[in-house]
């Protein structure tokens, strides 16, 4: 099991930016696909973005494409989510997730990930 701790959430005005961080308790360099999901009040948890352990492939939900960027620093065991041009509909609790995936086959479904952080709240005011 890999423990994940998110940080960087907060309150921001529409059009603003935030950078979320997710630090892992173990080395995530070898073989872990990392992802961000989010859950708004009263809604299901939705996929936001994912990045392969090799950092060569990233995938985004259509709703955030062009505004959010996922990246990772394997030396620091940390994954980032840079969020620009934030909208009120981006308001949610954001979760970091990890899955050992050396063959890079994990997709974007929540059930594919078996390590989760506690989440960090992002609130975007209009």
Foldseek 3Di string as FASTA:
>chain_A
DKEKAKDWADEEAAQAKIKMKIAIPDQLLAAKKKFKWWDAPPGDIFGAKIATSVRPDMDGDPVQPPFWDWDDDRVRRMIMIIGGRDDQVVWTWMKMFMDRGNPPPDDGDPVRTDYIYPTDTHGYHD
